PDB file of all heavy atoms in Angstrom:
ATOM      1  N   PHE A   1      27.396   8.284  -6.367  1.00  0.00           N
ATOM      2  CA  PHE A   1      27.385   7.009  -7.114  1.00  0.00           C
ATOM      3  C   PHE A   1      26.302   7.026  -8.135  1.00  0.00           C
ATOM      4  O   PHE A   1      25.261   7.706  -7.975  1.00  0.00           O
ATOM      5  CB  PHE A   1      27.173   5.864  -6.149  1.00  0.00           C
ATOM      6  CG  PHE A   1      28.355   5.546  -5.264  1.00  0.00           C
ATOM      7  CD1 PHE A   1      28.463   6.150  -4.001  1.00  0.00           C
ATOM      8  CD2 PHE A   1      29.318   4.668  -5.667  1.00  0.00           C
ATOM      9  CE1 PHE A   1      29.562   5.903  -3.186  1.00  0.00           C
ATOM     10  CE2 PHE A   1      30.416   4.381  -4.827  1.00  0.00           C
ATOM     11  CZ  PHE A   1      30.523   4.998  -3.635  1.00  0.00           C
ATOM     12  N   PRO A   2      26.486   6.322  -9.257  1.00  0.00           N
ATOM     13  CA  PRO A   2      25.469   6.307 -10.315  1.00  0.00           C
ATOM     14  C   PRO A   2      24.106   5.882  -9.828  1.00  0.00           C
ATOM     15  O   PRO A   2      23.035   6.338 -10.364  1.00  0.00           O
ATOM     16  CB  PRO A   2      26.043   5.307 -11.346  1.00  0.00           C
ATOM     17  CG  PRO A   2      27.512   5.346 -11.097  1.00  0.00           C
ATOM     18  CD  PRO A   2      27.682   5.542  -9.635  1.00  0.00           C
ATOM     19  N   ALA A   3      24.041   5.026  -8.823  1.00  0.00           N
ATOM     20  CA  ALA A   3      22.725   4.491  -8.385  1.00  0.00           C
ATOM     21  C   ALA A   3      22.047   5.398  -7.388  1.00  0.00           C
ATOM     22  O   ALA A   3      20.904   5.077  -6.955  1.00  0.00           O
ATOM     23  CB  ALA A   3      22.937   3.099  -7.773  1.00  0.00           C
ATOM     24  N   ASP A   4      22.664   6.491  -6.970  1.00  0.00           N
ATOM     25  CA  ASP A   4      22.134   7.333  -5.915  1.00  0.00           C
ATOM     26  C   ASP A   4      20.710   7.820  -6.203  1.00  0.00           C
ATOM     27  O   ASP A   4      19.813   7.736  -5.363  1.00  0.00           O
ATOM     28  CB  ASP A   4      23.009   8.543  -5.644  1.00  0.00           C
ATOM     29  CG  ASP A   4      24.275   8.160  -4.832  1.00  0.00           C
ATOM     30  OD1 ASP A   4      24.294   7.011  -4.367  1.00  0.00           O
ATOM     31  OD2 ASP A   4      25.147   9.011  -4.655  1.00  0.00           O
ATOM     32  N   LYS A   5      20.489   8.332  -7.402  1.00  0.00           N
ATOM     33  CA  LYS A   5      19.179   8.906  -7.733  1.00  0.00           C
ATOM     34  C   LYS A   5      18.102   7.830  -7.763  1.00  0.00           C
ATOM     35  O   LYS A   5      16.972   8.057  -7.302  1.00  0.00           O
ATOM     36  CB  LYS A   5      19.216   9.620  -9.081  1.00  0.00           C
ATOM     37  CG  LYS A   5      20.012  10.937  -9.035  1.00  0.00           C
ATOM     38  CD  LYS A   5      19.952  11.643 -10.394  1.00  0.00           C
ATOM     39  CE  LYS A   5      20.706  12.951 -10.354  1.00  0.00           C
ATOM     40  NZ  LYS A   5      20.601  13.695 -11.644  1.00  0.00           N
ATOM     41  N   VAL A   6      18.440   6.660  -8.300  1.00  0.00           N
ATOM     42  CA  VAL A   6      17.452   5.604  -8.377  1.00  0.00           C
ATOM     43  C   VAL A   6      17.069   5.132  -7.009  1.00  0.00           C
ATOM     44  O   VAL A   6      15.886   4.889  -6.684  1.00  0.00           O
ATOM     45  CB  VAL A   6      18.011   4.418  -9.216  1.00  0.00           C
ATOM     46  CG1 VAL A   6      17.062   3.219  -9.237  1.00  0.00           C
ATOM     47  CG2 VAL A   6      18.298   4.846 -10.658  1.00  0.00           C
ATOM     48  N   VAL A   7      18.100   4.948  -6.156  1.00  0.00           N
ATOM     49  CA  VAL A   7      17.833   4.518  -4.740  1.00  0.00           C
ATOM     50  C   VAL A   7      16.989   5.545  -3.995  1.00  0.00           C
ATOM     51  O   VAL A   7      16.069   5.254  -3.332  1.00  0.00           O
ATOM     52  CB  VAL A   7      19.151   4.255  -4.031  1.00  0.00           C
ATOM     53  CG1 VAL A   7      18.873   3.898  -2.546  1.00  0.00           C
ATOM     54  CG2 VAL A   7      19.862   3.072  -4.706  1.00  0.00           C
ATOM     55  N   SER A   8      17.346   6.838  -4.211  1.00  0.00           N
ATOM     56  CA  SER A   8      16.610   7.931  -3.585  1.00  0.00           C
ATOM     57  C   SER A   8      15.159   7.988  -4.079  1.00  0.00           C
ATOM     58  O   SER A   8      14.222   8.192  -3.281  1.00  0.00           O
ATOM     59  CB  SER A   8      17.295   9.256  -3.829  1.00  0.00           C
ATOM     60  OG  SER A   8      18.559   9.298  -3.247  1.00  0.00           O
ATOM     61  N   PHE A   9      14.986   7.773  -5.364  1.00  0.00           N
ATOM     62  CA  PHE A   9      13.636   7.753  -5.964  1.00  0.00           C
ATOM     63  C   PHE A   9      12.775   6.623  -5.344  1.00  0.00           C
ATOM     64  O   PHE A   9      11.633   6.853  -4.958  1.00  0.00           O
ATOM     65  CB  PHE A   9      13.738   7.569  -7.478  1.00  0.00           C
ATOM     66  CG  PHE A   9      12.433   7.376  -8.186  1.00  0.00           C
ATOM     67  CD1 PHE A   9      11.580   8.485  -8.365  1.00  0.00           C
ATOM     68  CD2 PHE A   9      12.029   6.156  -8.654  1.00  0.00           C
ATOM     69  CE1 PHE A   9      10.362   8.335  -8.991  1.00  0.00           C
ATOM     70  CE2 PHE A   9      10.849   6.002  -9.284  1.00  0.00           C
ATOM     71  CZ  PHE A   9      10.009   7.114  -9.497  1.00  0.00           C
ATOM     72  N   PHE A  10      13.332   5.480  -5.204  1.00  0.00           N
ATOM     73  CA  PHE A  10      12.630   4.365  -4.638  1.00  0.00           C
ATOM     74  C   PHE A  10      12.339   4.617  -3.152  1.00  0.00           C
ATOM     75  O   PHE A  10      11.216   4.387  -2.674  1.00  0.00           O
ATOM     76  CB  PHE A  10      13.495   3.057  -4.733  1.00  0.00           C
ATOM     77  CG  PHE A  10      12.860   1.866  -4.088  1.00  0.00           C
ATOM     78  CD1 PHE A  10      11.866   1.161  -4.781  1.00  0.00           C
ATOM     79  CD2 PHE A  10      13.297   1.423  -2.891  1.00  0.00           C
ATOM     80  CE1 PHE A  10      11.321   0.050  -4.185  1.00  0.00           C
ATOM     81  CE2 PHE A  10      12.698   0.322  -2.281  1.00  0.00           C
ATOM     82  CZ  PHE A  10      11.734  -0.373  -2.927  1.00  0.00           C
ATOM     83  N   HIS A  11      13.291   5.187  -2.464  1.00  0.00           N
ATOM     84  CA  HIS A  11      13.158   5.402  -1.005  1.00  0.00           C
ATOM     85  C   HIS A  11      12.207   6.522  -0.654  1.00  0.00           C
ATOM     86  O   HIS A  11      11.469   6.417   0.372  1.00  0.00           O
ATOM     87  CB  HIS A  11      14.568   5.748  -0.418  1.00  0.00           C
ATOM     88  CG  HIS A  11      14.622   5.927   1.049  1.00  0.00           C
ATOM     89  ND1 HIS A  11      14.254   4.908   1.899  1.00  0.00           N
ATOM     90  CD2 HIS A  11      14.983   6.932   1.828  1.00  0.00           C
ATOM     91  CE1 HIS A  11      14.364   5.339   3.153  1.00  0.00           C
ATOM     92  NE2 HIS A  11      14.793   6.529   3.170  1.00  0.00           N
ATOM     93  N   THR A  12      12.136   7.561  -1.433  1.00  0.00           N
ATOM     94  CA  THR A  12      11.301   8.743  -1.080  1.00  0.00           C
ATOM     95  C   THR A  12       9.951   8.763  -1.779  1.00  0.00           C
ATOM     96  O   THR A  12       9.057   9.428  -1.297  1.00  0.00           O
ATOM     97  CB  THR A  12      12.040  10.029  -1.403  1.00  0.00           C
ATOM     98  OG1 THR A  12      12.384  10.046  -2.802  1.00  0.00           O
ATOM     99  CG2 THR A  12      13.328  10.147  -0.610  1.00  0.00           C
ATOM    100  N   VAL A  13       9.815   8.094  -2.908  1.00  0.00           N
ATOM    101  CA  VAL A  13       8.540   8.146  -3.714  1.00  0.00           C
ATOM    102  C   VAL A  13       7.808   6.861  -3.707  1.00  0.00           C
ATOM    103  O   VAL A  13       6.584   6.836  -3.451  1.00  0.00           O
ATOM    104  CB  VAL A  13       8.892   8.627  -5.157  1.00  0.00           C
ATOM    105  CG1 VAL A  13       7.575   8.721  -5.992  1.00  0.00           C
ATOM    106  CG2 VAL A  13       9.601  10.004  -5.150  1.00  0.00           C
ATOM    107  N   ILE A  14       8.485   5.772  -4.082  1.00  0.00           N
ATOM    108  CA  ILE A  14       7.763   4.510  -4.268  1.00  0.00           C
ATOM    109  C   ILE A  14       7.429   3.820  -2.952  1.00  0.00           C
ATOM    110  O   ILE A  14       6.323   3.452  -2.698  1.00  0.00           O
ATOM    111  CB  ILE A  14       8.619   3.578  -5.176  1.00  0.00           C
ATOM    112  CG1 ILE A  14       8.943   4.235  -6.519  1.00  0.00           C
ATOM    113  CG2 ILE A  14       7.911   2.246  -5.347  1.00  0.00           C
ATOM    114  CD1 ILE A  14       7.680   4.601  -7.312  1.00  0.00           C
ATOM    115  N   LEU A  15       8.435   3.628  -2.072  1.00  0.00           N
ATOM    116  CA  LEU A  15       8.248   2.846  -0.862  1.00  0.00           C
ATOM    117  C   LEU A  15       7.114   3.422   0.053  1.00  0.00           C
ATOM    118  O   LEU A  15       6.313   2.603   0.548  1.00  0.00           O
ATOM    119  CB  LEU A  15       9.533   2.728  -0.068  1.00  0.00           C
ATOM    120  CG  LEU A  15       9.484   1.947   1.212  1.00  0.00           C
ATOM    121  CD1 LEU A  15       8.973   0.536   0.939  1.00  0.00           C
ATOM    122  CD2 LEU A  15      10.814   1.894   1.901  1.00  0.00           C
ATOM    123  N   PRO A  16       7.085   4.728   0.310  1.00  0.00           N
ATOM    124  CA  PRO A  16       5.990   5.222   1.182  1.00  0.00           C
ATOM    125  C   PRO A  16       4.596   4.898   0.660  1.00  0.00           C
ATOM    126  O   PRO A  16       3.663   4.771   1.485  1.00  0.00           O
ATOM    127  CB  PRO A  16       6.240   6.734   1.191  1.00  0.00           C
ATOM    128  CG  PRO A  16       7.651   6.927   0.863  1.00  0.00           C
ATOM    129  CD  PRO A  16       8.006   5.816  -0.093  1.00  0.00           C
ATOM    130  N   LEU A  17       4.411   4.757  -0.618  1.00  0.00           N
ATOM    131  CA  LEU A  17       3.103   4.404  -1.181  1.00  0.00           C
ATOM    132  C   LEU A  17       2.868   2.886  -1.157  1.00  0.00           C
ATOM    133  O   LEU A  17       1.704   2.449  -1.254  1.00  0.00           O
ATOM    134  CB  LEU A  17       3.018   4.957  -2.570  1.00  0.00           C
ATOM    135  CG  LEU A  17       3.169   6.461  -2.744  1.00  0.00           C
ATOM    136  CD1 LEU A  17       3.207   6.820  -4.229  1.00  0.00           C
ATOM    137  CD2 LEU A  17       2.029   7.190  -2.038  1.00  0.00           C
ATOM    138  N   MET A  18       3.928   2.106  -1.103  1.00  0.00           N
ATOM    139  CA  MET A  18       3.777   0.642  -1.131  1.00  0.00           C
ATOM    140  C   MET A  18       3.519  -0.026   0.151  1.00  0.00           C
ATOM    141  O   MET A  18       2.937  -1.107   0.186  1.00  0.00           O
ATOM    142  CB  MET A  18       5.034   0.073  -1.760  1.00  0.00           C
ATOM    143  CG  MET A  18       5.203   0.247  -3.291  1.00  0.00           C
ATOM    144  SD  MET A  18       3.816  -0.459  -4.207  1.00  0.00           S
ATOM    145  CE  MET A  18       4.025  -2.209  -3.804  1.00  0.00           C
ATOM    146  N   ASN A  19       3.949   0.591   1.276  1.00  0.00           N
ATOM    147  CA  ASN A  19       3.790  -0.058   2.576  1.00  0.00           C
ATOM    148  C   ASN A  19       2.353  -0.533   2.867  1.00  0.00           C
ATOM    149  O   ASN A  19       2.168  -1.657   3.250  1.00  0.00           O
ATOM    150  CB  ASN A  19       4.286   0.870   3.711  1.00  0.00           C
ATOM    151  CG  ASN A  19       5.794   0.906   3.769  1.00  0.00           C
ATOM    152  OD1 ASN A  19       6.494   0.093   3.163  1.00  0.00           O
ATOM    153  ND2 ASN A  19       6.316   1.827   4.530  1.00  0.00           N
ATOM    154  N   PRO A  20       1.337   0.318   2.667  1.00  0.00           N
ATOM    155  CA  PRO A  20      -0.008  -0.159   2.958  1.00  0.00           C
ATOM    156  C   PRO A  20      -0.437  -1.336   2.086  1.00  0.00           C
ATOM    157  O   PRO A  20      -1.177  -2.209   2.510  1.00  0.00           O
ATOM    158  CB  PRO A  20      -0.886   1.075   2.673  1.00  0.00           C
ATOM    159  CG  PRO A  20       0.063   2.222   2.822  1.00  0.00           C
ATOM    160  CD  PRO A  20       1.358   1.737   2.313  1.00  0.00           C
ATOM    161  N   VAL A  21       0.003  -1.329   0.825  1.00  0.00           N
ATOM    162  CA  VAL A  21      -0.320  -2.402  -0.067  1.00  0.00           C
ATOM    163  C   VAL A  21       0.249  -3.741   0.443  1.00  0.00           C
ATOM    164  O   VAL A  21      -0.391  -4.753   0.468  1.00  0.00           O
ATOM    165  CB  VAL A  21       0.202  -2.105  -1.510  1.00  0.00           C
ATOM    166  CG1 VAL A  21      -0.079  -3.316  -2.454  1.00  0.00           C
ATOM    167  CG2 VAL A  21      -0.452  -0.866  -2.055  1.00  0.00           C
ATOM    168  N   ILE A  22       1.547  -3.661   0.885  1.00  0.00           N
ATOM    169  CA  ILE A  22       2.166  -4.856   1.393  1.00  0.00           C
ATOM    170  C   ILE A  22       1.467  -5.394   2.629  1.00  0.00           C
ATOM    171  O   ILE A  22       1.211  -6.576   2.756  1.00  0.00           O
ATOM    172  CB  ILE A  22       3.654  -4.585   1.684  1.00  0.00           C
ATOM    173  CG1 ILE A  22       4.418  -4.247   0.397  1.00  0.00           C
ATOM    174  CG2 ILE A  22       4.327  -5.793   2.368  1.00  0.00           C
ATOM    175  CD1 ILE A  22       5.811  -3.759   0.569  1.00  0.00           C
ATOM    176  N   TYR A  23       1.125  -4.494   3.530  1.00  0.00           N
ATOM    177  CA  TYR A  23       0.435  -4.909   4.755  1.00  0.00           C
ATOM    178  C   TYR A  23      -0.939  -5.438   4.446  1.00  0.00           C
ATOM    179  O   TYR A  23      -1.389  -6.423   5.045  1.00  0.00           O
ATOM    180  CB  TYR A  23       0.358  -3.731   5.742  1.00  0.00           C
ATOM    181  CG  TYR A  23       1.531  -3.639   6.647  1.00  0.00           C
ATOM    182  CD1 TYR A  23       2.522  -2.653   6.420  1.00  0.00           C
ATOM    183  CD2 TYR A  23       1.677  -4.540   7.737  1.00  0.00           C
ATOM    184  CE1 TYR A  23       3.584  -2.560   7.286  1.00  0.00           C
ATOM    185  CE2 TYR A  23       2.814  -4.401   8.573  1.00  0.00           C
ATOM    186  CZ  TYR A  23       3.756  -3.440   8.360  1.00  0.00           C
ATOM    187  OH  TYR A  23       4.835  -3.373   9.184  1.00  0.00           O
ATOM    188  N   THR A  24      -1.655  -4.780   3.556  1.00  0.00           N
ATOM    189  CA  THR A  24      -3.037  -5.193   3.222  1.00  0.00           C
ATOM    190  C   THR A  24      -3.077  -6.563   2.592  1.00  0.00           C
ATOM    191  O   THR A  24      -3.907  -7.391   2.948  1.00  0.00           O
ATOM    192  CB  THR A  24      -3.692  -4.132   2.327  1.00  0.00           C
ATOM    193  OG1 THR A  24      -3.674  -2.869   2.949  1.00  0.00           O
ATOM    194  CG2 THR A  24      -5.116  -4.530   2.024  1.00  0.00           C
ATOM    195  N   LEU A  25      -2.160  -6.817   1.665  1.00  0.00           N
ATOM    196  CA  LEU A  25      -2.155  -8.097   0.972  1.00  0.00           C
ATOM    197  C   LEU A  25      -1.803  -9.252   1.908  1.00  0.00           C
ATOM    198  O   LEU A  25      -2.183 -10.399   1.622  1.00  0.00           O
ATOM    199  CB  LEU A  25      -1.112  -8.038  -0.197  1.00  0.00           C
ATOM    200  CG  LEU A  25      -1.516  -7.136  -1.375  1.00  0.00           C
ATOM    201  CD1 LEU A  25      -0.429  -7.135  -2.405  1.00  0.00           C
ATOM    202  CD2 LEU A  25      -2.826  -7.583  -1.986  1.00  0.00           C
ATOM    203  N   ARG A  26      -1.114  -8.975   2.989  1.00  0.00           N
ATOM    204  CA  ARG A  26      -0.686 -10.064   3.874  1.00  0.00           C
ATOM    205  C   ARG A  26      -1.428 -10.149   5.181  1.00  0.00           C
ATOM    206  O   ARG A  26      -1.107 -10.935   6.067  1.00  0.00           O
ATOM    207  CB  ARG A  26       0.823  -9.916   4.149  1.00  0.00           C
ATOM    208  CG  ARG A  26       1.724 -10.075   2.891  1.00  0.00           C
ATOM    209  CD  ARG A  26       3.136 -10.183   3.284  1.00  0.00           C
ATOM    210  NE  ARG A  26       3.399 -11.284   4.178  1.00  0.00           N
ATOM    211  CZ  ARG A  26       3.671 -12.496   3.745  1.00  0.00           C
ATOM    212  NH1 ARG A  26       3.633 -12.778   2.458  1.00  0.00           N
ATOM    213  NH2 ARG A  26       3.856 -13.496   4.599  1.00  0.00           N
ATOM    214  N   ASN A  27      -2.400  -9.259   5.375  1.00  0.00           N
ATOM    215  CA  ASN A  27      -3.179  -9.227   6.653  1.00  0.00           C
ATOM    216  C   ASN A  27      -4.646  -9.456   6.354  1.00  0.00           C
ATOM    217  O   ASN A  27      -5.300  -8.617   5.817  1.00  0.00           O
ATOM    218  CB  ASN A  27      -2.972  -7.862   7.324  1.00  0.00           C
ATOM    219  CG  ASN A  27      -3.478  -7.905   8.786  1.00  0.00           C
ATOM    220  OD1 ASN A  27      -4.668  -8.130   9.000  1.00  0.00           O
ATOM    221  ND2 ASN A  27      -2.612  -7.632   9.718  1.00  0.00           N
ATOM    222  N   GLN A  28      -5.104 -10.679   6.733  1.00  0.00           N
ATOM    223  CA  GLN A  28      -6.459 -11.092   6.395  1.00  0.00           C
ATOM    224  C   GLN A  28      -7.502 -10.208   7.105  1.00  0.00           C
ATOM    225  O   GLN A  28      -8.560  -9.906   6.541  1.00  0.00           O
ATOM    226  CB  GLN A  28      -6.662 -12.552   6.785  1.00  0.00           C
ATOM    227  CG  GLN A  28      -8.005 -13.112   6.287  1.00  0.00           C
ATOM    228  CD  GLN A  28      -8.141 -13.045   4.794  1.00  0.00           C
ATOM    229  OE1 GLN A  28      -7.237 -13.380   4.042  1.00  0.00           O
ATOM    230  NE2 GLN A  28      -9.342 -12.610   4.341  1.00  0.00           N
ATOM    231  N   GLU A  29      -7.215  -9.836   8.376  1.00  0.00           N
ATOM    232  CA  GLU A  29      -8.183  -9.034   9.140  1.00  0.00           C
ATOM    233  C   GLU A  29      -8.350  -7.674   8.450  1.00  0.00           C
ATOM    234  O   GLU A  29      -9.510  -7.183   8.339  1.00  0.00           O
ATOM    235  CB  GLU A  29      -7.693  -8.839  10.592  1.00  0.00           C
ATOM    236  CG  GLU A  29      -7.786 -10.080  11.432  1.00  0.00           C
ATOM    237  CD  GLU A  29      -6.581 -10.973  11.251  1.00  0.00           C
ATOM    238  OE1 GLU A  29      -5.697 -10.697  10.417  1.00  0.00           O
ATOM    239  OE2 GLU A  29      -6.512 -12.010  11.979  1.00  0.00           O
ATOM    240  N   VAL A  30      -7.282  -7.040   8.040  1.00  0.00           N
ATOM    241  CA  VAL A  30      -7.383  -5.724   7.403  1.00  0.00           C
ATOM    242  C   VAL A  30      -8.099  -5.836   6.062  1.00  0.00           C
ATOM    243  O   VAL A  30      -8.948  -5.022   5.697  1.00  0.00           O
ATOM    244  CB  VAL A  30      -5.992  -5.100   7.230  1.00  0.00           C
ATOM    245  CG1 VAL A  30      -6.101  -3.796   6.469  1.00  0.00           C
ATOM    246  CG2 VAL A  30      -5.354  -4.821   8.579  1.00  0.00           C
ATOM    247  N   LYS A  31      -7.782  -6.890   5.297  1.00  0.00           N
ATOM    248  CA  LYS A  31      -8.431  -7.066   4.006  1.00  0.00           C
ATOM    249  C   LYS A  31      -9.930  -7.262   4.150  1.00  0.00           C
ATOM    250  O   LYS A  31     -10.739  -6.690   3.408  1.00  0.00           O
ATOM    251  CB  LYS A  31      -7.823  -8.295   3.261  1.00  0.00           C
ATOM    252  CG  LYS A  31      -6.482  -8.028   2.610  1.00  0.00           C
ATOM    253  CD  LYS A  31      -6.118  -9.113   1.645  1.00  0.00           C
ATOM    254  CE  LYS A  31      -5.911 -10.427   2.300  1.00  0.00           C
ATOM    255  NZ  LYS A  31      -5.402 -11.454   1.342  1.00  0.00           N
ATOM    256  N   SER A  32     -10.305  -8.083   5.122  1.00  0.00           N
ATOM    257  CA  SER A  32     -11.703  -8.330   5.295  1.00  0.00           C
ATOM    258  C   SER A  32     -12.446  -7.051   5.782  1.00  0.00           C
ATOM    259  O   SER A  32     -13.567  -6.750   5.332  1.00  0.00           O
ATOM    260  CB  SER A  32     -11.902  -9.435   6.375  1.00  0.00           C
ATOM    261  OG  SER A  32     -11.305 -10.635   5.967  1.00  0.00           O
ATOM    262  N   SER A  33     -11.817  -6.265   6.631  1.00  0.00           N
ATOM    263  CA  SER A  33     -12.424  -5.053   7.125  1.00  0.00           C
ATOM    264  C   SER A  33     -12.569  -4.033   6.030  1.00  0.00           C
ATOM    265  O   SER A  33     -13.549  -3.326   5.908  1.00  0.00           O
ATOM    266  CB  SER A  33     -11.576  -4.458   8.268  1.00  0.00           C
ATOM    267  OG  SER A  33     -12.162  -3.304   8.779  1.00  0.00           O
ATOM    268  N   MET A  34     -11.530  -3.954   5.151  1.00  0.00           N
ATOM    269  CA  MET A  34     -11.622  -3.021   4.015  1.00  0.00           C
ATOM    270  C   MET A  34     -12.761  -3.389   3.056  1.00  0.00           C
ATOM    271  O   MET A  34     -13.491  -2.525   2.555  1.00  0.00           O
ATOM    272  CB  MET A  34     -10.313  -3.037   3.225  1.00  0.00           C
ATOM    273  CG  MET A  34      -9.195  -2.198   3.873  1.00  0.00           C
ATOM    274  SD  MET A  34      -7.728  -2.121   2.822  1.00  0.00           S
ATOM    275  CE  MET A  34      -6.713  -0.980   3.746  1.00  0.00           C
ATOM    276  N   LYS A  35     -12.921  -4.705   2.798  1.00  0.00           N
ATOM    277  CA  LYS A  35     -13.985  -5.156   1.974  1.00  0.00           C
ATOM    278  C   LYS A  35     -15.341  -4.792   2.535  1.00  0.00           C
ATOM    279  O   LYS A  35     -16.233  -4.337   1.782  1.00  0.00           O
ATOM    280  CB  LYS A  35     -13.890  -6.675   1.714  1.00  0.00           C
ATOM    281  CG  LYS A  35     -12.704  -7.095   0.873  1.00  0.00           C
ATOM    282  CD  LYS A  35     -12.606  -8.590   0.752  1.00  0.00           C
ATOM    283  CE  LYS A  35     -11.432  -9.003  -0.081  1.00  0.00           C
ATOM    284  NZ  LYS A  35     -11.299 -10.516  -0.129  1.00  0.00           N
ATOM    285  N   ARG A  36     -15.512  -4.937   3.831  1.00  0.00           N
ATOM    286  CA  ARG A  36     -16.750  -4.599   4.442  1.00  0.00           C
ATOM    287  C   ARG A  36     -17.014  -3.114   4.397  1.00  0.00           C
ATOM    288  O   ARG A  36     -18.155  -2.692   4.156  1.00  0.00           O
ATOM    289  CB  ARG A  36     -16.740  -5.068   5.898  1.00  0.00           C
ATOM    290  CG  ARG A  36     -16.849  -6.571   6.106  1.00  0.00           C
ATOM    291  CD  ARG A  36     -17.170  -6.943   7.519  1.00  0.00           C
ATOM    292  NE  ARG A  36     -16.152  -6.454   8.485  1.00  0.00           N
ATOM    293  CZ  ARG A  36     -15.078  -7.154   8.869  1.00  0.00           C
ATOM    294  NH1 ARG A  36     -14.885  -8.408   8.361  1.00  0.00           N
ATOM    295  NH2 ARG A  36     -14.261  -6.655   9.722  1.00  0.00           N
ATOM    296  N   LEU A  37     -15.942  -2.328   4.631  1.00  0.00           N
ATOM    297  CA  LEU A  37     -16.128  -0.879   4.567  1.00  0.00           C
ATOM    298  C   LEU A  37     -16.509  -0.429   3.155  1.00  0.00           C
ATOM    299  O   LEU A  37     -17.379   0.431   3.029  1.00  0.00           O
ATOM    300  CB  LEU A  37     -14.799  -0.204   5.013  1.00  0.00           C
ATOM    301  CG  LEU A  37     -14.762   1.305   5.032  1.00  0.00           C
ATOM    302  CD1 LEU A  37     -15.718   1.838   6.117  1.00  0.00           C
ATOM    303  CD2 LEU A  37     -13.361   1.823   5.277  1.00  0.00           C
ATOM    304  N   LEU A  38     -15.832  -0.965   2.149  1.00  0.00           N
ATOM    305  CA  LEU A  38     -16.137  -0.563   0.773  1.00  0.00           C
ATOM    306  C   LEU A  38     -17.542  -1.033   0.349  1.00  0.00           C
ATOM    307  O   LEU A  38     -18.240  -0.299  -0.378  1.00  0.00           O
ATOM    308  CB  LEU A  38     -15.064  -1.147  -0.162  1.00  0.00           C
ATOM    309  CG  LEU A  38     -13.690  -0.555  -0.045  1.00  0.00           C
ATOM    310  CD1 LEU A  38     -12.696  -1.286  -0.926  1.00  0.00           C
ATOM    311  CD2 LEU A  38     -13.668   0.934  -0.448  1.00  0.00           C
ATOM    312  N   SER A  39     -17.910  -2.196   0.764  1.00  0.00           N
ATOM    313  CA  SER A  39     -19.241  -2.696   0.423  1.00  0.00           C
ATOM    314  C   SER A  39     -20.339  -1.853   1.023  1.00  0.00           C
ATOM    315  O   SER A  39     -21.395  -1.704   0.445  1.00  0.00           O
ATOM    316  CB  SER A  39     -19.379  -4.155   0.827  1.00  0.00           C
ATOM    317  OG  SER A  39     -19.355  -4.272   2.270  1.00  0.00           O
ATOM    318  N   ARG A  40     -20.089  -1.318   2.181  1.00  0.00           N
ATOM    319  CA  ARG A  40     -21.119  -0.471   2.850  1.00  0.00           C
ATOM    320  C   ARG A  40     -21.224   0.895   2.267  1.00  0.00           C
ATOM    321  O   ARG A  40     -22.310   1.452   2.114  1.00  0.00           O
ATOM    322  CB  ARG A  40     -20.812  -0.317   4.376  1.00  0.00           C
ATOM    323  CG  ARG A  40     -21.053  -1.611   5.190  1.00  0.00           C
ATOM    324  CD  ARG A  40     -21.151  -1.253   6.654  1.00  0.00           C
ATOM    325  NE  ARG A  40     -20.024  -0.511   7.128  1.00  0.00           N
ATOM    326  CZ  ARG A  40     -18.936  -1.030   7.702  1.00  0.00           C
ATOM    327  NH1 ARG A  40     -18.799  -2.320   7.828  1.00  0.00           N
ATOM    328  NH2 ARG A  40     -17.938  -0.279   8.133  1.00  0.00           N
ATOM    329  N   HIS A  41     -20.092   1.462   1.893  1.00  0.00           N
ATOM    330  CA  HIS A  41     -20.111   2.890   1.523  1.00  0.00           C
ATOM    331  C   HIS A  41     -19.870   3.145   0.015  1.00  0.00           C
ATOM    332  O   HIS A  41     -20.039   4.273  -0.404  1.00  0.00           O
ATOM    333  CB  HIS A  41     -19.015   3.656   2.346  1.00  0.00           C
ATOM    334  CG  HIS A  41     -19.243   3.587   3.786  1.00  0.00           C
ATOM    335  ND1 HIS A  41     -20.199   4.427   4.435  1.00  0.00           N
ATOM    336  CD2 HIS A  41     -18.653   2.889   4.752  1.00  0.00           C
ATOM    337  CE1 HIS A  41     -20.134   4.184   5.719  1.00  0.00           C
ATOM    338  NE2 HIS A  41     -19.230   3.239   6.000  1.00  0.00           N
ATOM    339  N   VAL A  42     -19.437   2.180  -0.729  1.00  0.00           N
ATOM    340  CA  VAL A  42     -19.115   2.391  -2.142  1.00  0.00           C
ATOM    341  C   VAL A  42     -20.018   1.599  -3.010  1.00  0.00           C
ATOM    342  O   VAL A  42     -20.617   2.107  -3.973  1.00  0.00           O
ATOM    343  CB  VAL A  42     -17.646   2.075  -2.443  1.00  0.00           C
ATOM    344  CG1 VAL A  42     -17.375   2.293  -3.951  1.00  0.00           C
ATOM    345  CG2 VAL A  42     -16.712   2.902  -1.619  1.00  0.00           C
ATOM    346  N   PHE A  43     -20.187   0.324  -2.725  1.00  0.00           N
ATOM    347  CA  PHE A  43     -20.936  -0.576  -3.588  1.00  0.00           C
ATOM    348  C   PHE A  43     -22.355  -0.814  -3.129  1.00  0.00           C
ATOM    349  O   PHE A  43     -23.000  -1.749  -3.576  1.00  0.00           O
ATOM    350  CB  PHE A  43     -20.208  -1.908  -3.698  1.00  0.00           C
ATOM    351  CG  PHE A  43     -18.796  -1.787  -4.194  1.00  0.00           C
ATOM    352  CD1 PHE A  43     -17.728  -2.061  -3.352  1.00  0.00           C
ATOM    353  CD2 PHE A  43     -18.536  -1.381  -5.512  1.00  0.00           C
ATOM    354  CE1 PHE A  43     -16.420  -1.929  -3.808  1.00  0.00           C
ATOM    355  CE2 PHE A  43     -17.251  -1.236  -5.960  1.00  0.00           C
ATOM    356  CZ  PHE A  43     -16.177  -1.510  -5.128  1.00  0.00           C
ATOM    357  N   CYS A  44     -22.841  -0.001  -2.228  1.00  0.00           N
ATOM    358  CA  CYS A  44     -24.213  -0.190  -1.714  1.00  0.00           C
ATOM    359  C   CYS A  44     -25.214   0.375  -2.739  1.00  0.00           C
ATOM    360  O   CYS A  44     -24.887   1.209  -3.555  1.00  0.00           O
ATOM    361  CB  CYS A  44     -24.401   0.466  -0.376  1.00  0.00           C
ATOM    362  SG  CYS A  44     -24.035   2.236  -0.384  1.00  0.00           S
TER     363      CYS A  44
END
């Protein structure tokens, strides 16, 4: 089908990289923990 390559591209390349972003943006505990980790080791 004409859409096969586009769907495969999204399924194999884009989505695996997006899952953590989706979870992080919607999980306050993970976001807060990431901020603390970055502030300790990156922005200190």
